[in-house]
Amino acid sequence: MTGAKPERRHSFFPDFDTWFGREFPGLPGWRPATAAHAIPVEVTSGDDGVYTLRAELPGMDPDDIALTVDGDLLTVRAEHRESAGDKDHSEFRYGAFRRTVRLPDAIPADDVDASYADGILTVRVPMPAPDTRTARTIRVKRAADGEEDRS
C-alpha cells in the first residue's frame, strides 16, 4: 500500500529516558530530597534608589532564615523543619529553600535592612546612584628626563 501511514504501536511501558530530567508522571512537584525549593520573590525598585525584595516564606522562624550578600548577588536561604507529630494529611513544604537574585550593581552590605512579618521576608537594599558619565579626560604627564618610554 503506497501512501498509507505506518501503524503506530503503543507500549505498555513508557520510555524511561523521557522521565529523567523532569517530574515523574502522576507526581507533580516531585523533587529529589537534596534539592532546595525555590522561594517565590518580588523585586521592585523605587525612585529613591532602594531595591525591595519580598520573599514568600510562610510558617518560618526568622532564626531559620539566612541572608547573604556577595557582590551584586543577594541570596535568601531558609529551612522549614517538619513537626514531630503524626499527620493524617499535609501539603506543607519542608526542607531547604533557596533563591538568589542579581541586582544591577554591587550591594552595599552594611546598609541592607531585612525584616520578617506575616510570612513575608522584606529586604531593602539602598543602591548607589548609577554613574552616568561615559566620557572622561585622562591627564597626560610629561616624562621626566632619563625616564624611558615603556611601550
C-alpha atoms as a PDB file:
ATOM      1  CA  MET A   1       0.000   0.000   0.000  1.00  0.00           C
ATOM      2  CA  THR A   2       1.559   3.243  -1.033  1.00  0.00           C
ATOM      3  CA  GLY A   3       0.809   6.440   0.841  1.00  0.00           C
ATOM      4  CA  ALA A   4      -0.550   4.588   3.883  1.00  0.00           C
ATOM      5  CA  LYS A   5       0.662   5.764   7.267  1.00  0.00           C
ATOM      6  CA  PRO A   6       2.589   3.173   9.236  1.00  0.00           C
ATOM      7  CA  GLU A   7       0.770   1.784  12.238  1.00  0.00           C
ATOM      8  CA  ARG A   8       1.975   3.315  15.485  1.00  0.00           C
ATOM      9  CA  ARG A   9       2.378   0.830  18.288  1.00  0.00           C
ATOM     10  CA  HIS A  10       1.850   1.886  21.876  1.00  0.00           C
ATOM     11  CA  SER A  11       3.881   0.243  24.572  1.00  0.00           C
ATOM     12  CA  PHE A  12       2.542  -0.615  27.986  1.00  0.00           C
ATOM     13  CA  PHE A  13       5.873   0.630  29.346  1.00  0.00           C
ATOM     14  CA  PRO A  14       6.693   4.320  28.832  1.00  0.00           C
ATOM     15  CA  ASP A  15      10.066   5.403  27.537  1.00  0.00           C
ATOM     16  CA  PHE A  16      12.071   5.682  30.747  1.00  0.00           C
ATOM     17  CA  ASP A  17      14.611   8.005  29.125  1.00  0.00           C
ATOM     18  CA  THR A  18      11.979  10.728  28.892  1.00  0.00           C
ATOM     19  CA  TRP A  19      11.307  10.537  32.637  1.00  0.00           C
ATOM     20  CA  PHE A  20      14.742  11.721  33.700  1.00  0.00           C
ATOM     21  CA  GLY A  21      15.305  15.435  33.995  1.00  0.00           C
ATOM     22  CA  ARG A  22      11.646  16.254  34.691  1.00  0.00           C
ATOM     23  CA  GLU A  23       8.863  15.407  37.123  1.00  0.00           C
ATOM     24  CA  PHE A  24       7.653  11.840  37.221  1.00  0.00           C
ATOM     25  CA  PRO A  25       4.198  11.383  35.678  1.00  0.00           C
ATOM     26  CA  GLY A  26       1.465  11.435  38.285  1.00  0.00           C
ATOM     27  CA  LEU A  27       3.700  13.065  40.888  1.00  0.00           C
ATOM     28  CA  PRO A  28       3.525  16.823  40.334  1.00  0.00           C
ATOM     29  CA  GLY A  29       6.037  18.701  42.418  1.00  0.00           C
ATOM     30  CA  TRP A  30       8.229  15.644  42.968  1.00  0.00           C
ATOM     31  CA  ARG A  31      11.790  16.671  43.690  1.00  0.00           C
ATOM     32  CA  PRO A  32      14.894  14.849  44.858  1.00  0.00           C
ATOM     33  CA  ALA A  33      15.299  15.074  48.629  1.00  0.00           C
ATOM     34  CA  THR A  34      18.546  17.030  48.262  1.00  0.00           C
ATOM     35  CA  ALA A  35      17.091  19.751  46.014  1.00  0.00           C
ATOM     36  CA  ALA A  36      16.231  23.128  47.539  1.00  0.00           C
ATOM     37  CA  HIS A  37      12.771  24.538  46.934  1.00  0.00           C
ATOM     38  CA  ALA A  38      12.659  27.856  45.085  1.00  0.00           C
ATOM     39  CA  ILE A  39      11.368  30.812  47.049  1.00  0.00           C
ATOM     40  CA  PRO A  40       8.778  32.985  45.264  1.00  0.00           C
ATOM     41  CA  VAL A  41      10.087  36.563  45.199  1.00  0.00           C
ATOM     42  CA  GLU A  42       9.033  40.015  44.085  1.00  0.00           C
ATOM     43  CA  VAL A  43      11.658  42.710  43.381  1.00  0.00           C
ATOM     44  CA  THR A  44      10.803  46.385  42.996  1.00  0.00           C
ATOM     45  CA  SER A  45      12.929  49.484  42.597  1.00  0.00           C
ATOM     46  CA  GLY A  46      11.749  52.852  43.762  1.00  0.00           C
ATOM     47  CA  ASP A  47      12.593  56.377  42.677  1.00  0.00           C
ATOM     48  CA  ASP A  48      14.509  56.757  45.943  1.00  0.00           C
ATOM     49  CA  GLY A  49      17.183  54.264  44.789  1.00  0.00           C
ATOM     50  CA  VAL A  50      16.045  51.474  47.109  1.00  0.00           C
ATOM     51  CA  TYR A  51      15.511  47.953  45.796  1.00  0.00           C
ATOM     52  CA  THR A  52      12.988  45.950  47.751  1.00  0.00           C
ATOM     53  CA  LEU A  53      12.890  42.170  47.649  1.00  0.00           C
ATOM     54  CA  ARG A  54       9.864  40.441  49.152  1.00  0.00           C
ATOM     55  CA  ALA A  55      10.035  36.669  49.575  1.00  0.00           C
ATOM     56  CA  GLU A  56       7.185  34.317  50.499  1.00  0.00           C
ATOM     57  CA  LEU A  57       8.331  32.172  53.414  1.00  0.00           C
ATOM     58  CA  PRO A  58       5.179  31.187  55.304  1.00  0.00           C
ATOM     59  CA  GLY A  59       5.490  29.453  58.643  1.00  0.00           C
ATOM     60  CA  MET A  60       9.200  30.183  59.075  1.00  0.00           C
ATOM     61  CA  ASP A  61      11.023  31.246  62.189  1.00  0.00           C
ATOM     62  CA  PRO A  62      13.232  34.287  61.438  1.00  0.00           C
ATOM     63  CA  ASP A  63      16.135  32.417  63.095  1.00  0.00           C
ATOM     64  CA  ASP A  64      15.894  29.807  60.302  1.00  0.00           C
ATOM     65  CA  ILE A  65      16.353  32.416  57.541  1.00  0.00           C
ATOM     66  CA  ALA A  66      19.834  33.365  56.295  1.00  0.00           C
ATOM     67  CA  LEU A  67      20.547  36.314  54.024  1.00  0.00           C
ATOM     68  CA  THR A  68      23.926  36.690  52.286  1.00  0.00           C
ATOM     69  CA  VAL A  69      25.325  39.417  50.046  1.00  0.00           C
ATOM     70  CA  ASP A  70      28.133  38.742  47.569  1.00  0.00           C
ATOM     71  CA  GLY A  71      28.875  41.478  45.040  1.00  0.00           C
ATOM     72  CA  ASP A  72      25.605  42.047  43.172  1.00  0.00           C
ATOM     73  CA  LEU A  73      24.029  38.773  44.367  1.00  0.00           C
ATOM     74  CA  LEU A  74      21.517  38.609  47.193  1.00  0.00           C
ATOM     75  CA  THR A  75      20.809  35.069  48.415  1.00  0.00           C
ATOM     76  CA  VAL A  76      17.998  34.005  50.736  1.00  0.00           C
ATOM     77  CA  ARG A  77      18.223  30.578  52.385  1.00  0.00           C
ATOM     78  CA  ALA A  78      15.768  29.058  54.806  1.00  0.00           C
ATOM     79  CA  GLU A  79      14.909  25.714  56.301  1.00  0.00           C
ATOM     80  CA  HIS A  80      11.470  24.609  57.405  1.00  0.00           C
ATOM     81  CA  ARG A  81      11.580  21.629  59.718  1.00  0.00           C
ATOM     82  CA  GLU A  82       8.698  19.195  59.931  1.00  0.00           C
ATOM     83  CA  SER A  83       6.972  18.882  63.288  1.00  0.00           C
ATOM     84  CA  ALA A  84       7.347  15.579  65.083  1.00  0.00           C
ATOM     85  CA  GLY A  85       3.625  14.786  65.422  1.00  0.00           C
ATOM     86  CA  ASP A  86       1.808  12.305  63.172  1.00  0.00           C
ATOM     87  CA  LYS A  87      -0.309  13.846  60.452  1.00  0.00           C
ATOM     88  CA  ASP A  88      -3.273  12.433  58.586  1.00  0.00           C
ATOM     89  CA  HIS A  89      -2.616  14.755  55.652  1.00  0.00           C
ATOM     90  CA  SER A  90      -0.100  17.529  54.921  1.00  0.00           C
ATOM     91  CA  GLU A  91       0.607  19.678  51.882  1.00  0.00           C
ATOM     92  CA  PHE A  92       3.203  21.821  53.634  1.00  0.00           C
ATOM     93  CA  ARG A  93       6.674  22.051  52.126  1.00  0.00           C
ATOM     94  CA  TYR A  94       9.510  21.061  54.396  1.00  0.00           C
ATOM     95  CA  GLY A  95      13.236  21.133  53.841  1.00  0.00           C
ATOM     96  CA  ALA A  96      15.659  23.669  52.400  1.00  0.00           C
ATOM     97  CA  PHE A  97      14.578  26.734  50.435  1.00  0.00           C
ATOM     98  CA  ARG A  98      16.935  28.969  48.435  1.00  0.00           C
ATOM     99  CA  ARG A  99      16.753  31.872  45.993  1.00  0.00           C
ATOM    100  CA  THR A 100      19.460  34.140  44.570  1.00  0.00           C
ATOM    101  CA  VAL A 101      18.644  37.449  42.918  1.00  0.00           C
ATOM    102  CA  ARG A 102      21.105  39.559  40.896  1.00  0.00           C
ATOM    103  CA  LEU A 103      20.757  43.304  41.363  1.00  0.00           C
ATOM    104  CA  PRO A 104      22.101  45.831  38.840  1.00  0.00           C
ATOM    105  CA  ASP A 105      25.091  46.910  40.964  1.00  0.00           C
ATOM    106  CA  ALA A 106      27.256  45.767  43.861  1.00  0.00           C
ATOM    107  CA  ILE A 107      25.202  45.650  47.051  1.00  0.00           C
ATOM    108  CA  PRO A 108      26.451  47.745  49.988  1.00  0.00           C
ATOM    109  CA  ALA A 109      26.325  45.041  52.681  1.00  0.00           C
ATOM    110  CA  ASP A 110      26.281  47.493  55.590  1.00  0.00           C
ATOM    111  CA  ASP A 111      23.050  49.245  54.660  1.00  0.00           C
ATOM    112  CA  VAL A 112      20.846  46.219  53.866  1.00  0.00           C
ATOM    113  CA  ASP A 113      17.753  46.028  56.070  1.00  0.00           C
ATOM    114  CA  ALA A 114      15.747  42.796  56.484  1.00  0.00           C
ATOM    115  CA  SER A 115      12.532  42.118  58.388  1.00  0.00           C
ATOM    116  CA  TYR A 116      10.066  39.219  58.578  1.00  0.00           C
ATOM    117  CA  ALA A 117       6.339  39.515  59.270  1.00  0.00           C
ATOM    118  CA  ASP A 118       3.221  37.573  58.314  1.00  0.00           C
ATOM    119  CA  GLY A 119       5.172  35.016  56.261  1.00  0.00           C
ATOM    120  CA  ILE A 120       6.913  37.639  54.108  1.00  0.00           C
ATOM    121  CA  LEU A 121      10.625  38.445  54.268  1.00  0.00           C
ATOM    122  CA  THR A 122      11.239  42.052  53.190  1.00  0.00           C
ATOM    123  CA  VAL A 123      14.776  43.101  52.273  1.00  0.00           C
ATOM    124  CA  ARG A 124      15.553  46.747  51.472  1.00  0.00           C
ATOM    125  CA  VAL A 125      18.795  47.486  49.626  1.00  0.00           C
ATOM    126  CA  PRO A 126      19.804  51.121  49.085  1.00  0.00           C
ATOM    127  CA  MET A 127      21.666  51.178  45.783  1.00  0.00           C
ATOM    128  CA  PRO A 128      24.232  53.840  44.919  1.00  0.00           C
ATOM    129  CA  ALA A 129      23.260  56.294  42.209  1.00  0.00           C
ATOM    130  CA  PRO A 130      24.429  54.988  38.842  1.00  0.00           C
ATOM    131  CA  ASP A 131      27.479  56.683  37.364  1.00  0.00           C
ATOM    132  CA  THR A 132      26.035  58.193  34.190  1.00  0.00           C
ATOM    133  CA  ARG A 133      29.331  59.608  32.993  1.00  0.00           C
ATOM    134  CA  THR A 134      30.553  57.808  29.903  1.00  0.00           C
ATOM    135  CA  ALA A 135      33.389  60.089  28.797  1.00  0.00           C
ATOM    136  CA  ARG A 136      36.235  61.305  30.944  1.00  0.00           C
ATOM    137  CA  THR A 137      39.503  63.115  30.436  1.00  0.00           C
ATOM    138  CA  ILE A 138      42.835  61.494  31.265  1.00  0.00           C
ATOM    139  CA  ARG A 139      45.703  63.846  32.012  1.00  0.00           C
ATOM    140  CA  VAL A 140      48.900  63.129  30.070  1.00  0.00           C
ATOM    141  CA  LYS A 141      52.055  63.754  32.087  1.00  0.00           C
ATOM    142  CA  ARG A 142      55.400  64.775  30.603  1.00  0.00           C
ATOM    143  CA  ALA A 143      58.041  62.101  31.104  1.00  0.00           C
ATOM    144  CA  ALA A 144      60.994  63.206  33.227  1.00  0.00           C
ATOM    145  CA  ASP A 145      64.490  63.372  31.727  1.00  0.00           C
ATOM    146  CA  GLY A 146      66.162  59.984  31.731  1.00  0.00           C
ATOM    147  CA  GLU A 147      62.832  58.144  32.027  1.00  0.00           C
ATOM    148  CA  GLU A 148      62.429  55.585  29.267  1.00  0.00           C
ATOM    149  CA  ASP A 149      59.447  55.094  27.056  1.00  0.00           C
ATOM    150  CA  ARG A 150      57.880  51.858  28.376  1.00  0.00           C
ATOM    151  CA  SER A 151      55.876  50.966  25.324  1.00  0.00           C
END
